[in-house]
Amino acid sequence: MMLVLTRKTKQSIKIGDDIEVTIVAIQGDQVKIGISAPQSIEVHRKEVYEAIQLENSEAANIPEELFTSLNKMYDQKEN
């Protein structure tokens, strides 16, 4: 389910107590929005968020042999 709202320039919506989304400008078929959120909350465009998730998923699937090899190299360097 999606909540659909109509807003005009300089109007805002609140998400919880800490996030505010403001319509900054409307130019043709583009809407510029401003997002005020605490620094502890990451805000990304959807395509950037999806790329980060994919990269994290790929990093989590590193073969165990690679970790073993890296540990051996590290141990050799320590000695």
N, C-alpha and C. Protein backbone atom coordinates (compact mmCIF):
# COMPACT_ATOMS: atom_id res chain seq x y z
N MET A 1 0.84 -1.17 0.00
CA MET A 1 0.00 0.00 0.00
C MET A 1 0.89 1.24 0.00
N MET A 2 0.47 2.26 -0.69
CA MET A 2 1.23 3.50 -0.79
C MET A 2 0.32 4.68 -0.45
N LEU A 3 0.83 5.57 0.39
CA LEU A 3 0.12 6.80 0.70
C LEU A 3 0.50 7.82 -0.36
N VAL A 4 -0.47 8.39 -1.03
CA VAL A 4 -0.23 9.40 -2.06
C VAL A 4 -0.75 10.73 -1.54
N LEU A 5 0.13 11.73 -1.54
CA LEU A 5 -0.22 13.06 -1.04
C LEU A 5 0.00 14.10 -2.13
N THR A 6 -0.77 15.15 -2.07
CA THR A 6 -0.58 16.29 -2.96
C THR A 6 0.00 17.43 -2.14
N ARG A 7 1.11 18.00 -2.61
CA ARG A 7 1.78 19.09 -1.92
C ARG A 7 2.13 20.16 -2.94
N LYS A 8 2.23 21.38 -2.49
CA LYS A 8 2.66 22.49 -3.32
C LYS A 8 4.07 22.89 -2.90
N THR A 9 4.71 23.72 -3.71
CA THR A 9 6.05 24.20 -3.39
C THR A 9 6.07 24.81 -1.99
N LYS A 10 7.11 24.49 -1.25
CA LYS A 10 7.36 24.93 0.12
C LYS A 10 6.50 24.21 1.16
N GLN A 11 5.66 23.27 0.74
CA GLN A 11 4.90 22.47 1.70
C GLN A 11 5.69 21.22 2.02
N SER A 12 5.41 20.64 3.18
CA SER A 12 6.19 19.50 3.67
C SER A 12 5.30 18.37 4.12
N ILE A 13 5.95 17.22 4.32
CA ILE A 13 5.32 16.11 5.03
C ILE A 13 6.30 15.67 6.10
N LYS A 14 5.78 15.10 7.16
CA LYS A 14 6.62 14.60 8.25
C LYS A 14 6.56 13.08 8.25
N ILE A 15 7.70 12.45 8.49
CA ILE A 15 7.78 11.01 8.67
C ILE A 15 8.33 10.80 10.08
N GLY A 16 7.46 10.34 10.96
CA GLY A 16 7.86 10.23 12.36
C GLY A 16 8.14 11.61 12.92
N ASP A 17 8.96 11.65 13.97
CA ASP A 17 9.29 12.92 14.61
C ASP A 17 10.50 13.61 14.00
N ASP A 18 11.33 12.85 13.29
CA ASP A 18 12.66 13.35 12.92
C ASP A 18 12.87 13.62 11.44
N ILE A 19 11.96 13.24 10.58
CA ILE A 19 12.19 13.37 9.13
C ILE A 19 11.15 14.29 8.53
N GLU A 20 11.61 15.27 7.75
CA GLU A 20 10.71 16.18 7.06
C GLU A 20 11.10 16.22 5.58
N VAL A 21 10.12 16.05 4.72
CA VAL A 21 10.33 16.10 3.28
C VAL A 21 9.60 17.34 2.77
N THR A 22 10.35 18.24 2.12
CA THR A 22 9.80 19.51 1.65
C THR A 22 9.88 19.59 0.13
N ILE A 23 8.81 20.04 -0.49
CA ILE A 23 8.82 20.29 -1.93
C ILE A 23 9.54 21.62 -2.13
N VAL A 24 10.70 21.58 -2.78
CA VAL A 24 11.52 22.77 -2.97
C VAL A 24 11.13 23.50 -4.25
N ALA A 25 10.93 22.75 -5.33
CA ALA A 25 10.58 23.37 -6.61
C ALA A 25 9.92 22.33 -7.51
N ILE A 26 9.10 22.83 -8.42
CA ILE A 26 8.49 21.98 -9.45
C ILE A 26 8.83 22.63 -10.78
N GLN A 27 9.54 21.87 -11.65
CA GLN A 27 9.96 22.39 -12.95
C GLN A 27 9.59 21.36 -14.01
N GLY A 28 8.53 21.62 -14.75
CA GLY A 28 8.09 20.66 -15.77
C GLY A 28 7.68 19.36 -15.12
N ASP A 29 8.31 18.26 -15.54
CA ASP A 29 7.97 16.95 -14.98
C ASP A 29 8.91 16.54 -13.85
N GLN A 30 9.71 17.49 -13.34
CA GLN A 30 10.62 17.20 -12.23
C GLN A 30 10.18 17.92 -10.97
N VAL A 31 10.31 17.20 -9.86
CA VAL A 31 10.01 17.77 -8.55
C VAL A 31 11.30 17.73 -7.74
N LYS A 32 11.72 18.86 -7.22
CA LYS A 32 12.90 18.90 -6.36
C LYS A 32 12.41 18.84 -4.92
N ILE A 33 12.98 17.90 -4.17
CA ILE A 33 12.59 17.76 -2.77
C ILE A 33 13.80 17.95 -1.88
N GLY A 34 13.54 18.43 -0.69
CA GLY A 34 14.57 18.53 0.34
C GLY A 34 14.20 17.60 1.47
N ILE A 35 15.17 16.92 2.03
CA ILE A 35 14.92 15.98 3.11
C ILE A 35 15.76 16.37 4.31
N SER A 36 15.09 16.62 5.42
CA SER A 36 15.77 16.90 6.68
C SER A 36 15.63 15.66 7.55
N ALA A 37 16.77 15.09 7.93
CA ALA A 37 16.78 13.88 8.75
C ALA A 37 18.02 13.90 9.62
N PRO A 38 17.98 13.18 10.74
CA PRO A 38 19.17 13.08 11.58
C PRO A 38 20.33 12.46 10.80
N GLN A 39 21.55 12.82 11.16
CA GLN A 39 22.72 12.28 10.47
C GLN A 39 22.81 10.77 10.59
N SER A 40 22.18 10.20 11.60
CA SER A 40 22.24 8.75 11.80
C SER A 40 21.37 7.99 10.80
N ILE A 41 20.54 8.70 10.05
CA ILE A 41 19.68 8.06 9.05
C ILE A 41 20.26 8.35 7.68
N GLU A 42 20.59 7.27 6.96
CA GLU A 42 21.14 7.44 5.62
C GLU A 42 20.00 7.72 4.64
N VAL A 43 20.22 8.69 3.75
CA VAL A 43 19.23 9.03 2.73
C VAL A 43 19.91 8.91 1.38
N HIS A 44 19.37 8.05 0.52
CA HIS A 44 19.95 7.83 -0.80
C HIS A 44 18.84 7.83 -1.86
N ARG A 45 19.21 8.16 -3.09
CA ARG A 45 18.31 7.90 -4.21
C ARG A 45 18.15 6.39 -4.31
N LYS A 46 17.01 5.93 -4.81
CA LYS A 46 16.73 4.50 -4.84
C LYS A 46 17.79 3.73 -5.61
N GLU A 47 18.23 4.24 -6.76
CA GLU A 47 19.21 3.50 -7.56
C GLU A 47 20.55 3.39 -6.83
N VAL A 48 20.91 4.40 -6.06
CA VAL A 48 22.14 4.35 -5.27
C VAL A 48 21.99 3.33 -4.14
N TYR A 49 20.85 3.35 -3.47
CA TYR A 49 20.57 2.40 -2.39
C TYR A 49 20.65 0.97 -2.91
N GLU A 50 20.03 0.71 -4.06
CA GLU A 50 20.05 -0.64 -4.63
C GLU A 50 21.47 -1.07 -5.00
N ALA A 51 22.28 -0.15 -5.51
CA ALA A 51 23.67 -0.47 -5.85
C ALA A 51 24.46 -0.80 -4.59
N ILE A 52 24.23 -0.07 -3.51
CA ILE A 52 24.91 -0.35 -2.25
C ILE A 52 24.51 -1.72 -1.73
N GLN A 53 23.22 -2.04 -1.79
CA GLN A 53 22.74 -3.34 -1.33
C GLN A 53 23.35 -4.47 -2.14
N LEU A 54 23.43 -4.30 -3.46
CA LEU A 54 24.03 -5.32 -4.32
C LEU A 54 25.50 -5.51 -4.00
N GLU A 55 26.20 -4.41 -3.82
CA GLU A 55 27.63 -4.47 -3.49
C GLU A 55 27.85 -5.17 -2.15
N ASN A 56 27.01 -4.86 -1.17
CA ASN A 56 27.12 -5.51 0.14
C ASN A 56 26.83 -7.00 0.03
N SER A 57 25.84 -7.35 -0.77
CA SER A 57 25.48 -8.76 -0.95
C SER A 57 26.63 -9.52 -1.61
N GLU A 58 27.23 -8.92 -2.63
CA GLU A 58 28.35 -9.56 -3.31
C GLU A 58 29.54 -9.70 -2.37
N ALA A 59 29.77 -8.71 -1.54
CA ALA A 59 30.89 -8.76 -0.59
C ALA A 59 30.66 -9.85 0.45
N ALA A 60 29.42 -10.08 0.81
CA ALA A 60 29.10 -11.11 1.80
C ALA A 60 29.26 -12.52 1.24
N ASN A 61 29.32 -12.64 -0.07
CA ASN A 61 29.43 -13.95 -0.71
C ASN A 61 30.86 -14.27 -1.15
N ILE A 62 31.83 -13.71 -0.47
CA ILE A 62 33.23 -13.99 -0.78
C ILE A 62 33.52 -15.45 -0.38
N PRO A 63 34.14 -16.22 -1.27
CA PRO A 63 34.41 -17.63 -0.97
C PRO A 63 35.27 -17.80 0.29
N GLU A 64 34.99 -18.84 1.04
CA GLU A 64 35.71 -19.10 2.29
C GLU A 64 37.20 -19.29 2.04
N GLU A 65 37.55 -19.84 0.88
CA GLU A 65 38.97 -20.06 0.55
C GLU A 65 39.74 -18.75 0.53
N LEU A 66 39.07 -17.69 0.06
CA LEU A 66 39.72 -16.38 0.00
C LEU A 66 40.04 -15.89 1.42
N PHE A 67 39.08 -16.05 2.35
CA PHE A 67 39.33 -15.66 3.74
C PHE A 67 40.49 -16.48 4.32
N THR A 68 40.51 -17.76 4.04
CA THR A 68 41.58 -18.62 4.55
C THR A 68 42.93 -18.15 4.02
N SER A 69 42.99 -17.87 2.73
CA SER A 69 44.24 -17.38 2.13
C SER A 69 44.68 -16.06 2.73
N LEU A 70 43.72 -15.15 2.91
CA LEU A 70 44.05 -13.85 3.49
C LEU A 70 44.55 -13.99 4.93
N ASN A 71 43.92 -14.88 5.69
CA ASN A 71 44.37 -15.12 7.06
C ASN A 71 45.79 -15.66 7.08
N LYS A 72 46.10 -16.58 6.18
CA LYS A 72 47.46 -17.13 6.12
C LYS A 72 48.46 -16.04 5.78
N MET A 73 48.12 -15.20 4.81
CA MET A 73 49.01 -14.10 4.43
C MET A 73 49.23 -13.16 5.61
N TYR A 74 48.17 -12.86 6.33
CA TYR A 74 48.26 -11.97 7.48
C TYR A 74 49.14 -12.58 8.57
N ASP A 75 48.91 -13.87 8.83
CA ASP A 75 49.72 -14.55 9.84
C ASP A 75 51.18 -14.54 9.47
N GLN A 76 51.49 -14.77 8.19
CA GLN A 76 52.89 -14.78 7.74
C GLN A 76 53.50 -13.40 7.90
N LYS A 77 52.72 -12.37 7.63
CA LYS A 77 53.22 -11.00 7.74
C LYS A 77 53.48 -10.64 9.21
N GLU A 78 52.65 -11.16 10.10
CA GLU A 78 52.79 -10.90 11.54
C GLU A 78 54.07 -11.53 12.07
N ASN A 79 54.45 -12.70 11.55
CA ASN A 79 55.62 -13.43 12.05
C ASN A 79 56.82 -12.95 11.36
